[in-house]
Amino acid sequence: MQRGGSLPFRSRKSTAATHLVSPMKSHIAALAAWCCALVCMSGLSGVAHARTDDIAKHPIVTAVHKQDCAKAIGLIHTDVGDNDAPTAFLAGRMLDEGICVQHDPELAAHFFARAADLGRKSAVLDYAAKVGMGEGSAQDFARSGDLCRAAGLDGQGQLSPAALGYACTVASVAGRLLRERLPAGAFSPVGGAEVKVEFVPGSGTLKILSVPNVGRSDAAPGSYFRQPVIKANEEIERSWREALQLVSAPPAAREETHAVALSIDVDMTLEQGRATLPDAQRLIPGDLHFCPSCAQTPR
């Protein structure tokens, strides 16, 4: 493990990475504490847990907040498969958003796959979006939809896999755009912040159902009124429109008339310190260690 500087990934491909490690399986179990379905599918050997891990105290987050990129990078194992779920997820977000490292969405996909394989729901959704965008693997909205359904979306099965994968990908891209552009303290509390929406893929209609509490600025001298730091609905709609431009709808999505409930991830626990970070450090392109199970999705 490196303790500073750029992260020296090295290529070590395995033929096993192109095959499923086990036949497709799925089962649903009630998780009373969160009232969500857990689904196991091939390519995700861990369960897609509907829980929000507390990453606020993770040493990578602490290092980023202290503007210590060398330390943050040094906490990531150069072999993707040697990282635990929170570390792999944070590494994926760093690469996907250019935090301390060069923006590299394809490499981010392998880290998201590792975290998803270990059961982190948010990583399953981020990885599904990478499959939908064709970043790190061949573009396949149907496989993306299978992953999103494995994470608990569209439990009634109203949407086709491709339409669900498209909707899920748009929501993930919109979340990334919001996390990249919103100021620190945009939502309170920061951890677990998400926007609830309904989306009709065929018409492109978006309905915002709920928004986290918006942060407020300090009151002006002589006033007790604190202005909201953002106009939340405007920012959400703007990012959604941009996401629609970035994600090309497949035919199955253009024909879909059902609405699907989605969450836009605006948890900015990692991103809070990005405004004062030094210039991103460059990773060596194409150098990667990965474990066979990290690059698989249900077929």
C-alpha atoms as a PDB file:
ATOM      1  CA  MET A   1       0.000   0.000   0.000  1.00  0.00           C
ATOM      2  CA  GLN A   2       1.220   3.419  -0.914  1.00  0.00           C
ATOM      3  CA  ARG A   3       1.443   6.069   1.791  1.00  0.00           C
ATOM      4  CA  GLY A   4       1.616   9.111  -0.421  1.00  0.00           C
ATOM      5  CA  GLY A   5       1.718  10.380  -3.968  1.00  0.00           C
ATOM      6  CA  SER A   6      -0.083   8.799  -6.882  1.00  0.00           C
ATOM      7  CA  LEU A   7      -1.580   5.331  -6.686  1.00  0.00           C
ATOM      8  CA  PRO A   8       0.409   2.822  -8.821  1.00  0.00           C
ATOM      9  CA  PHE A   9      -2.216   0.435 -10.163  1.00  0.00           C
ATOM     10  CA  ARG A  10      -0.804  -2.405 -12.236  1.00  0.00           C
ATOM     11  CA  SER A  11      -2.650  -4.567 -14.731  1.00  0.00           C
ATOM     12  CA  ARG A  12      -3.358  -8.136 -13.698  1.00  0.00           C
ATOM     13  CA  LYS A  13      -6.257  -9.459 -15.716  1.00  0.00           C
ATOM     14  CA  SER A  14      -7.820 -12.842 -15.132  1.00  0.00           C
ATOM     15  CA  THR A  15      -9.787 -14.913 -17.621  1.00  0.00           C
ATOM     16  CA  ALA A  16     -12.117 -15.742 -14.757  1.00  0.00           C
ATOM     17  CA  ALA A  17     -13.267 -12.134 -14.797  1.00  0.00           C
ATOM     18  CA  THR A  18     -15.235 -12.721 -17.986  1.00  0.00           C
ATOM     19  CA  HIS A  19     -17.357 -15.517 -16.505  1.00  0.00           C
ATOM     20  CA  LEU A  20     -19.927 -15.675 -13.776  1.00  0.00           C
ATOM     21  CA  VAL A  21     -18.657 -17.352 -10.636  1.00  0.00           C
ATOM     22  CA  SER A  22     -22.033 -18.962 -10.034  1.00  0.00           C
ATOM     23  CA  PRO A  23     -25.408 -19.322 -11.772  1.00  0.00           C
ATOM     24  CA  MET A  24     -27.953 -16.522 -11.363  1.00  0.00           C
ATOM     25  CA  LYS A  25     -29.598 -16.652  -7.969  1.00  0.00           C
ATOM     26  CA  SER A  26     -31.976 -14.345  -6.214  1.00  0.00           C
ATOM     27  CA  HIS A  27     -33.804 -14.333  -2.913  1.00  0.00           C
ATOM     28  CA  ILE A  28     -35.657 -11.691  -0.957  1.00  0.00           C
ATOM     29  CA  ALA A  29     -35.557 -11.384   2.817  1.00  0.00           C
ATOM     30  CA  ALA A  30     -37.236  -8.849   5.065  1.00  0.00           C
ATOM     31  CA  LEU A  31     -34.864  -6.518   6.868  1.00  0.00           C
ATOM     32  CA  ALA A  32     -37.153  -5.111   9.544  1.00  0.00           C
ATOM     33  CA  ALA A  33     -34.909  -2.315  10.735  1.00  0.00           C
ATOM     34  CA  TRP A  34     -34.847  -0.696   7.306  1.00  0.00           C
ATOM     35  CA  CYS A  35     -38.019  -2.261   5.802  1.00  0.00           C
ATOM     36  CA  CYS A  36     -36.216  -2.902   2.504  1.00  0.00           C
ATOM     37  CA  ALA A  37     -35.711  -5.968   0.333  1.00  0.00           C
ATOM     38  CA  LEU A  38     -32.323  -7.579   0.105  1.00  0.00           C
ATOM     39  CA  VAL A  39     -31.603  -9.432  -3.097  1.00  0.00           C
ATOM     40  CA  CYS A  40     -28.616 -11.682  -3.850  1.00  0.00           C
ATOM     41  CA  MET A  41     -27.655 -12.104  -7.490  1.00  0.00           C
ATOM     42  CA  SER A  42     -24.711 -13.664  -9.260  1.00  0.00           C
ATOM     43  CA  GLY A  43     -21.891 -11.220  -9.719  1.00  0.00           C
ATOM     44  CA  LEU A  44     -22.786  -9.746  -6.322  1.00  0.00           C
ATOM     45  CA  SER A  45     -21.600 -12.379  -3.874  1.00  0.00           C
ATOM     46  CA  GLY A  46     -22.476 -10.101  -0.974  1.00  0.00           C
ATOM     47  CA  VAL A  47     -26.013  -8.976  -0.268  1.00  0.00           C
ATOM     48  CA  ALA A  48     -27.094  -5.577  -1.574  1.00  0.00           C
ATOM     49  CA  HIS A  49     -27.747  -4.166   1.866  1.00  0.00           C
ATOM     50  CA  ALA A  50     -30.280  -1.367   2.191  1.00  0.00           C
ATOM     51  CA  ARG A  51     -28.239   0.320   4.873  1.00  0.00           C
ATOM     52  CA  THR A  52     -26.247   3.524   4.957  1.00  0.00           C
ATOM     53  CA  ASP A  53     -22.745   2.942   6.265  1.00  0.00           C
ATOM     54  CA  ASP A  54     -21.388   5.664   8.478  1.00  0.00           C
ATOM     55  CA  ILE A  55     -18.331   6.851   6.552  1.00  0.00           C
ATOM     56  CA  ALA A  56     -18.007  10.228   8.266  1.00  0.00           C
ATOM     57  CA  LYS A  57     -15.173   8.949  10.470  1.00  0.00           C
ATOM     58  CA  HIS A  58     -13.420   6.910   7.790  1.00  0.00           C
ATOM     59  CA  PRO A  59      -9.726   7.887   7.661  1.00  0.00           C
ATOM     60  CA  ILE A  60      -9.973   8.657   3.919  1.00  0.00           C
ATOM     61  CA  VAL A  61     -12.727  11.205   4.593  1.00  0.00           C
ATOM     62  CA  THR A  62     -10.709  12.677   7.450  1.00  0.00           C
ATOM     63  CA  ALA A  63      -7.651  13.020   5.216  1.00  0.00           C
ATOM     64  CA  VAL A  64      -9.633  14.694   2.415  1.00  0.00           C
ATOM     65  CA  HIS A  65     -11.145  17.155   4.875  1.00  0.00           C
ATOM     66  CA  LYS A  66      -7.634  17.979   6.096  1.00  0.00           C
ATOM     67  CA  GLN A  67      -6.480  18.513   2.469  1.00  0.00           C
ATOM     68  CA  ASP A  68      -4.052  15.600   2.829  1.00  0.00           C
ATOM     69  CA  CYS A  69      -4.481  13.896  -0.533  1.00  0.00           C
ATOM     70  CA  ALA A  70      -1.305  11.845  -0.178  1.00  0.00           C
ATOM     71  CA  LYS A  71      -2.644  10.222   2.976  1.00  0.00           C
ATOM     72  CA  ALA A  72      -6.093   9.658   1.479  1.00  0.00           C
ATOM     73  CA  ILE A  73      -4.593   7.928  -1.560  1.00  0.00           C
ATOM     74  CA  GLY A  74      -2.206   5.930   0.618  1.00  0.00           C
ATOM     75  CA  LEU A  75      -5.130   4.362   2.464  1.00  0.00           C
ATOM     76  CA  ILE A  76      -6.338   2.689  -0.746  1.00  0.00           C
ATOM     77  CA  HIS A  77      -4.874  -0.724  -1.602  1.00  0.00           C
ATOM     78  CA  THR A  78      -3.401  -0.856  -5.094  1.00  0.00           C
ATOM     79  CA  ASP A  79      -5.158  -4.194  -5.642  1.00  0.00           C
ATOM     80  CA  VAL A  80      -8.866  -3.350  -5.893  1.00  0.00           C
ATOM     81  CA  GLY A  81      -9.798  -6.711  -4.404  1.00  0.00           C
ATOM     82  CA  ASP A  82      -7.862  -6.031  -1.182  1.00  0.00           C
ATOM     83  CA  ASN A  83     -10.064  -3.072  -0.174  1.00  0.00           C
ATOM     84  CA  ASP A  84     -13.016  -3.347   2.198  1.00  0.00           C
ATOM     85  CA  ALA A  85     -16.419  -2.023   1.122  1.00  0.00           C
ATOM     86  CA  PRO A  86     -16.211   1.541   2.529  1.00  0.00           C
ATOM     87  CA  THR A  87     -12.670   2.044   1.228  1.00  0.00           C
ATOM     88  CA  ALA A  88     -13.515   0.724  -2.244  1.00  0.00           C
ATOM     89  CA  PHE A  89     -16.647   2.881  -2.356  1.00  0.00           C
ATOM     90  CA  LEU A  90     -14.764   6.038  -1.331  1.00  0.00           C
ATOM     91  CA  ALA A  91     -11.998   5.290  -3.850  1.00  0.00           C
ATOM     92  CA  GLY A  92     -14.648   4.949  -6.542  1.00  0.00           C
ATOM     93  CA  ARG A  93     -16.188   8.286  -5.618  1.00  0.00           C
ATOM     94  CA  MET A  94     -12.763   9.961  -5.576  1.00  0.00           C
ATOM     95  CA  LEU A  95     -12.008   8.665  -9.071  1.00  0.00           C
ATOM     96  CA  ASP A  96     -15.494   9.396 -10.386  1.00  0.00           C
ATOM     97  CA  GLU A  97     -15.496  12.987  -9.138  1.00  0.00           C
ATOM     98  CA  GLY A  98     -11.784  13.841  -9.401  1.00  0.00           C
ATOM     99  CA  ILE A  99     -11.219  14.249  -5.666  1.00  0.00           C
ATOM    100  CA  CYS A 100      -7.457  14.112  -4.949  1.00  0.00           C
ATOM    101  CA  VAL A 101      -6.964  12.047  -8.116  1.00  0.00           C
ATOM    102  CA  GLN A 102      -7.473  12.414 -11.837  1.00  0.00           C
ATOM    103  CA  HIS A 103     -11.061  11.908 -12.963  1.00  0.00           C
ATOM    104  CA  ASP A 104     -11.257   8.303 -14.179  1.00  0.00           C
ATOM    105  CA  PRO A 105     -14.814   6.893 -14.400  1.00  0.00           C
ATOM    106  CA  GLU A 106     -13.696   3.575 -15.886  1.00  0.00           C
ATOM    107  CA  LEU A 107     -11.309   2.862 -13.030  1.00  0.00           C
ATOM    108  CA  ALA A 108     -13.985   4.055 -10.587  1.00  0.00           C
ATOM    109  CA  ALA A 109     -16.279   1.335 -11.942  1.00  0.00           C
ATOM    110  CA  HIS A 110     -13.930  -1.407 -10.705  1.00  0.00           C
ATOM    111  CA  PHE A 111     -13.873   0.055  -7.195  1.00  0.00           C
ATOM    112  CA  PHE A 112     -17.669   0.383  -7.167  1.00  0.00           C
ATOM    113  CA  ALA A 113     -17.903  -3.229  -8.312  1.00  0.00           C
ATOM    114  CA  ARG A 114     -15.693  -4.320  -5.414  1.00  0.00           C
ATOM    115  CA  ALA A 115     -17.804  -2.420  -2.874  1.00  0.00           C
ATOM    116  CA  ALA A 116     -20.998  -3.757  -4.459  1.00  0.00           C
ATOM    117  CA  ASP A 117     -19.608  -7.290  -4.303  1.00  0.00           C
ATOM    118  CA  LEU A 118     -19.194  -6.770  -0.561  1.00  0.00           C
ATOM    119  CA  GLY A 119     -22.792  -5.636  -0.178  1.00  0.00           C
ATOM    120  CA  ARG A 120     -22.813  -1.831  -0.155  1.00  0.00           C
ATOM    121  CA  LYS A 121     -26.110  -0.705  -1.699  1.00  0.00           C
ATOM    122  CA  SER A 122     -24.925   2.755  -2.772  1.00  0.00           C
ATOM    123  CA  ALA A 123     -22.030   1.116  -4.609  1.00  0.00           C
ATOM    124  CA  VAL A 124     -24.424  -1.272  -6.389  1.00  0.00           C
ATOM    125  CA  LEU A 125     -26.318   1.749  -7.725  1.00  0.00           C
ATOM    126  CA  ASP A 126     -23.133   3.586  -8.705  1.00  0.00           C
ATOM    127  CA  TYR A 127     -21.844   0.473 -10.458  1.00  0.00           C
ATOM    128  CA  ALA A 128     -25.192  -0.014 -12.220  1.00  0.00           C
ATOM    129  CA  ALA A 129     -24.843   3.510 -13.598  1.00  0.00           C
ATOM    130  CA  LYS A 130     -21.369   2.683 -14.904  1.00  0.00           C
ATOM    131  CA  VAL A 131     -22.821  -0.325 -16.744  1.00  0.00           C
ATOM    132  CA  GLY A 132     -25.571   1.937 -18.103  1.00  0.00           C
ATOM    133  CA  MET A 133     -22.992   4.466 -19.296  1.00  0.00           C
ATOM    134  CA  GLY A 134     -20.645   1.817 -20.676  1.00  0.00           C
ATOM    135  CA  GLU A 135     -17.816   2.948 -18.390  1.00  0.00           C
ATOM    136  CA  GLY A 136     -15.576   0.079 -17.291  1.00  0.00           C
ATOM    137  CA  SER A 137     -17.696  -2.484 -19.146  1.00  0.00           C
ATOM    138  CA  ALA A 138     -19.840  -2.768 -22.264  1.00  0.00           C
ATOM    139  CA  GLN A 139     -22.912  -0.542 -22.140  1.00  0.00           C
ATOM    140  CA  ASP A 140     -25.944  -2.614 -21.209  1.00  0.00           C
ATOM    141  CA  PHE A 141     -29.048  -0.964 -19.753  1.00  0.00           C
ATOM    142  CA  ALA A 142     -30.724  -4.336 -19.137  1.00  0.00           C
ATOM    143  CA  ARG A 143     -27.841  -5.514 -16.946  1.00  0.00           C
ATOM    144  CA  SER A 144     -27.849  -2.122 -15.259  1.00  0.00           C
ATOM    145  CA  GLY A 145     -31.543  -2.595 -14.521  1.00  0.00           C
ATOM    146  CA  ASP A 146     -30.895  -6.035 -13.045  1.00  0.00           C
ATOM    147  CA  LEU A 147     -28.395  -4.473 -10.658  1.00  0.00           C
ATOM    148  CA  CYS A 148     -30.795  -1.684  -9.694  1.00  0.00           C
ATOM    149  CA  ARG A 149     -33.564  -4.173  -9.064  1.00  0.00           C
ATOM    150  CA  ALA A 150     -31.127  -6.199  -6.951  1.00  0.00           C
ATOM    151  CA  ALA A 151     -30.624  -3.053  -4.870  1.00  0.00           C
ATOM    152  CA  GLY A 152     -34.372  -2.848  -4.230  1.00  0.00           C
ATOM    153  CA  LEU A 153     -35.665  -0.492  -6.948  1.00  0.00           C
ATOM    154  CA  ASP A 154     -38.953  -1.131  -8.795  1.00  0.00           C
ATOM    155  CA  GLY A 155     -39.959  -3.918  -6.447  1.00  0.00           C
ATOM    156  CA  GLN A 156     -43.267  -4.346  -8.290  1.00  0.00           C
ATOM    157  CA  GLY A 157     -41.432  -5.120 -11.522  1.00  0.00           C
ATOM    158  CA  GLN A 158     -43.364  -2.570 -13.591  1.00  0.00           C
ATOM    159  CA  LEU A 159     -40.416  -1.474 -15.730  1.00  0.00           C
ATOM    160  CA  SER A 160     -38.423  -3.564 -18.143  1.00  0.00           C
ATOM    161  CA  PRO A 161     -34.786  -4.110 -17.093  1.00  0.00           C
ATOM    162  CA  ALA A 162     -33.518  -1.712 -19.771  1.00  0.00           C
ATOM    163  CA  ALA A 163     -35.991   1.045 -18.813  1.00  0.00           C
ATOM    164  CA  LEU A 164     -35.113   0.653 -15.128  1.00  0.00           C
ATOM    165  CA  GLY A 165     -31.401   0.673 -15.927  1.00  0.00           C
ATOM    166  CA  TYR A 166     -31.833   3.902 -17.877  1.00  0.00           C
ATOM    167  CA  ALA A 167     -33.786   5.588 -15.057  1.00  0.00           C
ATOM    168  CA  CYS A 168     -31.301   4.383 -12.460  1.00  0.00           C
ATOM    169  CA  THR A 169     -28.368   5.661 -14.527  1.00  0.00           C
ATOM    170  CA  VAL A 170     -29.937   9.107 -14.974  1.00  0.00           C
ATOM    171  CA  ALA A 171     -30.530   9.367 -11.213  1.00  0.00           C
ATOM    172  CA  SER A 172     -26.931   8.405 -10.449  1.00  0.00           C
ATOM    173  CA  VAL A 173     -25.509  10.908 -12.941  1.00  0.00           C
ATOM    174  CA  ALA A 174     -27.762  13.653 -11.545  1.00  0.00           C
ATOM    175  CA  GLY A 175     -26.523  12.838  -8.046  1.00  0.00           C
ATOM    176  CA  ARG A 176     -22.891  13.078  -9.133  1.00  0.00           C
ATOM    177  CA  LEU A 177     -23.515  16.449 -10.779  1.00  0.00           C
ATOM    178  CA  LEU A 178     -25.152  17.760  -7.614  1.00  0.00           C
ATOM    179  CA  ARG A 179     -22.365  16.504  -5.341  1.00  0.00           C
ATOM    180  CA  GLU A 180     -19.774  18.090  -7.617  1.00  0.00           C
ATOM    181  CA  ARG A 181     -21.367  21.531  -7.783  1.00  0.00           C
ATOM    182  CA  LEU A 182     -23.254  22.100  -4.527  1.00  0.00           C
ATOM    183  CA  PRO A 183     -21.494  24.021  -1.746  1.00  0.00           C
ATOM    184  CA  ALA A 184     -20.558  22.419   1.564  1.00  0.00           C
ATOM    185  CA  GLY A 185     -23.527  22.415   3.914  1.00  0.00           C
ATOM    186  CA  ALA A 186     -26.087  22.441   1.092  1.00  0.00           C
ATOM    187  CA  PHE A 187     -28.138  19.842   2.951  1.00  0.00           C
ATOM    188  CA  SER A 188     -28.382  19.053   6.648  1.00  0.00           C
ATOM    189  CA  PRO A 189     -27.632  16.553   7.977  1.00  0.00           C
ATOM    190  CA  VAL A 190     -25.005  15.655   5.414  1.00  0.00           C
ATOM    191  CA  GLY A 191     -24.821  11.910   5.983  1.00  0.00           C
ATOM    192  CA  GLY A 192     -27.495   9.896   4.180  1.00  0.00           C
ATOM    193  CA  ALA A 193     -28.952  12.926   2.372  1.00  0.00           C
ATOM    194  CA  GLU A 194     -31.059  11.909  -0.614  1.00  0.00           C
ATOM    195  CA  VAL A 195     -33.701  13.432  -2.839  1.00  0.00           C
ATOM    196  CA  LYS A 196     -36.789  11.321  -3.515  1.00  0.00           C
ATOM    197  CA  VAL A 197     -38.258  11.585  -7.011  1.00  0.00           C
ATOM    198  CA  GLU A 198     -40.583   9.847  -9.438  1.00  0.00           C
ATOM    199  CA  PHE A 199     -39.575   9.567 -13.066  1.00  0.00           C
ATOM    200  CA  VAL A 200     -41.417   8.425 -16.179  1.00  0.00           C
ATOM    201  CA  PRO A 201     -38.740   7.308 -18.688  1.00  0.00           C
ATOM    202  CA  GLY A 202     -40.990   7.556 -21.748  1.00  0.00           C
ATOM    203  CA  SER A 203     -42.054  11.163 -21.254  1.00  0.00           C
ATOM    204  CA  GLY A 204     -39.036  12.305 -19.256  1.00  0.00           C
ATOM    205  CA  THR A 205     -41.356  13.669 -16.566  1.00  0.00           C
ATOM    206  CA  LEU A 206     -39.717  14.274 -13.190  1.00  0.00           C
ATOM    207  CA  LYS A 207     -41.628  14.808  -9.948  1.00  0.00           C
ATOM    208  CA  ILE A 208     -39.684  15.809  -6.833  1.00  0.00           C
ATOM    209  CA  LEU A 209     -41.269  14.080  -3.854  1.00  0.00           C
ATOM    210  CA  SER A 210     -39.014  15.151  -0.995  1.00  0.00           C
ATOM    211  CA  VAL A 211     -35.809  17.102  -0.436  1.00  0.00           C
ATOM    212  CA  PRO A 212     -33.466  16.983   2.596  1.00  0.00           C
ATOM    213  CA  ASN A 213     -33.350  19.999   4.894  1.00  0.00           C
ATOM    214  CA  VAL A 214     -31.512  22.788   3.088  1.00  0.00           C
ATOM    215  CA  GLY A 215     -28.597  24.388   4.932  1.00  0.00           C
ATOM    216  CA  ARG A 216     -28.794  28.065   5.813  1.00  0.00           C
ATOM    217  CA  SER A 217     -26.212  30.821   5.788  1.00  0.00           C
ATOM    218  CA  ASP A 218     -25.311  32.919   8.816  1.00  0.00           C
ATOM    219  CA  ALA A 219     -27.763  35.729   9.551  1.00  0.00           C
ATOM    220  CA  ALA A 220     -26.764  39.219   8.427  1.00  0.00           C
ATOM    221  CA  PRO A 221     -25.867  41.725  11.164  1.00  0.00           C
ATOM    222  CA  GLY A 222     -29.011  42.989  12.828  1.00  0.00           C
ATOM    223  CA  SER A 223     -31.139  40.189  11.383  1.00  0.00           C
ATOM    224  CA  TYR A 224     -32.277  36.806  12.622  1.00  0.00           C
ATOM    225  CA  PHE A 225     -33.163  35.542   9.146  1.00  0.00           C
ATOM    226  CA  ARG A 226     -30.851  32.944   7.645  1.00  0.00           C
ATOM    227  CA  GLN A 227     -31.044  32.518   3.888  1.00  0.00           C
ATOM    228  CA  PRO A 228     -31.030  29.007   2.392  1.00  0.00           C
ATOM    229  CA  VAL A 229     -27.634  28.345   0.787  1.00  0.00           C
ATOM    230  CA  ILE A 230     -29.206  26.855  -2.353  1.00  0.00           C
ATOM    231  CA  LYS A 231     -32.490  26.819  -4.233  1.00  0.00           C
ATOM    232  CA  ALA A 232     -32.852  23.072  -3.962  1.00  0.00           C
ATOM    233  CA  ASN A 233     -35.565  22.360  -6.518  1.00  0.00           C
ATOM    234  CA  GLU A 234     -33.867  24.517  -9.150  1.00  0.00           C
ATOM    235  CA  GLU A 235     -30.531  22.772  -8.618  1.00  0.00           C
ATOM    236  CA  ILE A 236     -32.134  19.321  -8.726  1.00  0.00           C
ATOM    237  CA  GLU A 237     -34.080  20.060 -11.924  1.00  0.00           C
ATOM    238  CA  ARG A 238     -30.996  21.584 -13.556  1.00  0.00           C
ATOM    239  CA  SER A 239     -28.851  18.546 -12.779  1.00  0.00           C
ATOM    240  CA  TRP A 240     -31.596  16.192 -13.931  1.00  0.00           C
ATOM    241  CA  ARG A 241     -31.872  17.975 -17.268  1.00  0.00           C
ATOM    242  CA  GLU A 242     -28.105  17.716 -17.732  1.00  0.00           C
ATOM    243  CA  ALA A 243     -28.189  14.022 -16.820  1.00  0.00           C
ATOM    244  CA  LEU A 244     -30.869  13.412 -19.457  1.00  0.00           C
ATOM    245  CA  GLN A 245     -28.537  14.968 -22.017  1.00  0.00           C
ATOM    246  CA  LEU A 246     -25.641  12.765 -20.917  1.00  0.00           C
ATOM    247  CA  VAL A 247     -27.556   9.457 -20.892  1.00  0.00           C
ATOM    248  CA  SER A 248     -29.046   8.319 -24.205  1.00  0.00           C
ATOM    249  CA  ALA A 249     -32.394   6.597 -23.706  1.00  0.00           C
ATOM    250  CA  PRO A 250     -32.709   3.074 -25.171  1.00  0.00           C
ATOM    251  CA  PRO A 251     -35.880   2.181 -27.130  1.00  0.00           C
ATOM    252  CA  ALA A 252     -37.345   0.314 -24.133  1.00  0.00           C
ATOM    253  CA  ALA A 253     -37.128   3.459 -22.000  1.00  0.00           C
ATOM    254  CA  ARG A 254     -38.712   5.700 -24.634  1.00  0.00           C
ATOM    255  CA  GLU A 255     -41.739   3.386 -24.670  1.00  0.00           C
ATOM    256  CA  GLU A 256     -42.084   3.163 -20.876  1.00  0.00           C
ATOM    257  CA  THR A 257     -45.148   4.920 -19.402  1.00  0.00           C
ATOM    258  CA  HIS A 258     -44.880   3.753 -15.777  1.00  0.00           C
ATOM    259  CA  ALA A 259     -43.333   5.979 -13.122  1.00  0.00           C
ATOM    260  CA  VAL A 260     -40.490   4.642 -10.999  1.00  0.00           C
ATOM    261  CA  ALA A 261     -39.502   5.870  -7.544  1.00  0.00           C
ATOM    262  CA  LEU A 262     -35.814   6.803  -7.327  1.00  0.00           C
ATOM    263  CA  SER A 263     -33.407   8.351  -4.861  1.00  0.00           C
ATOM    264  CA  ILE A 264     -30.771  10.901  -5.863  1.00  0.00           C
ATOM    265  CA  ASP A 265     -27.710  10.512  -3.651  1.00  0.00           C
ATOM    266  CA  VAL A 266     -26.678  13.930  -2.307  1.00  0.00           C
ATOM    267  CA  ASP A 267     -24.677  12.628   0.657  1.00  0.00           C
ATOM    268  CA  MET A 268     -21.661  14.951   0.505  1.00  0.00           C
ATOM    269  CA  THR A 269     -19.742  13.486   3.455  1.00  0.00           C
ATOM    270  CA  LEU A 270     -16.655  13.011   1.263  1.00  0.00           C
ATOM    271  CA  GLU A 271     -17.144  16.133  -0.839  1.00  0.00           C
ATOM    272  CA  GLN A 272     -17.336  18.615   2.062  1.00  0.00           C
ATOM    273  CA  GLY A 273     -13.610  19.379   1.881  1.00  0.00           C
ATOM    274  CA  ARG A 274     -13.095  19.395  -1.886  1.00  0.00           C
ATOM    275  CA  ALA A 275     -13.219  23.202  -2.328  1.00  0.00           C
ATOM    276  CA  THR A 276      -9.841  23.676  -0.643  1.00  0.00           C
ATOM    277  CA  LEU A 277      -8.103  20.635  -2.106  1.00  0.00           C
ATOM    278  CA  PRO A 278      -4.878  20.976  -4.123  1.00  0.00           C
ATOM    279  CA  ASP A 279      -4.789  20.052  -7.799  1.00  0.00           C
ATOM    280  CA  ALA A 280      -5.712  16.451  -8.470  1.00  0.00           C
ATOM    281  CA  GLN A 281      -2.883  13.949  -8.484  1.00  0.00           C
ATOM    282  CA  ARG A 282      -2.555  11.811 -11.590  1.00  0.00           C
ATOM    283  CA  LEU A 283      -3.056   8.066 -11.566  1.00  0.00           C
ATOM    284  CA  ILE A 284      -1.190   5.934 -14.087  1.00  0.00           C
ATOM    285  CA  PRO A 285      -3.793   5.285 -16.841  1.00  0.00           C
ATOM    286  CA  GLY A 286      -4.705   1.663 -17.438  1.00  0.00           C
ATOM    287  CA  ASP A 287      -2.807   0.258 -14.470  1.00  0.00           C
ATOM    288  CA  LEU A 288      -5.164  -1.815 -12.388  1.00  0.00           C
ATOM    289  CA  HIS A 289      -5.339  -4.789 -10.086  1.00  0.00           C
ATOM    290  CA  PHE A 290      -8.771  -6.367  -9.898  1.00  0.00           C
ATOM    291  CA  CYS A 291     -10.297  -9.486  -8.430  1.00  0.00           C
ATOM    292  CA  PRO A 292     -12.384 -11.791 -10.683  1.00  0.00           C
ATOM    293  CA  SER A 293     -15.655 -11.038  -8.873  1.00  0.00           C
ATOM    294  CA  CYS A 294     -15.173  -7.261  -9.062  1.00  0.00           C
ATOM    295  CA  ALA A 295     -16.050  -6.825 -12.733  1.00  0.00           C
ATOM    296  CA  GLN A 296     -19.161  -8.945 -13.025  1.00  0.00           C
ATOM    297  CA  THR A 297     -22.837  -8.180 -13.365  1.00  0.00           C
ATOM    298  CA  PRO A 298     -25.874 -10.454 -13.729  1.00  0.00           C
ATOM    299  CA  ARG A 299     -26.466 -11.740 -17.235  1.00  0.00           C
END
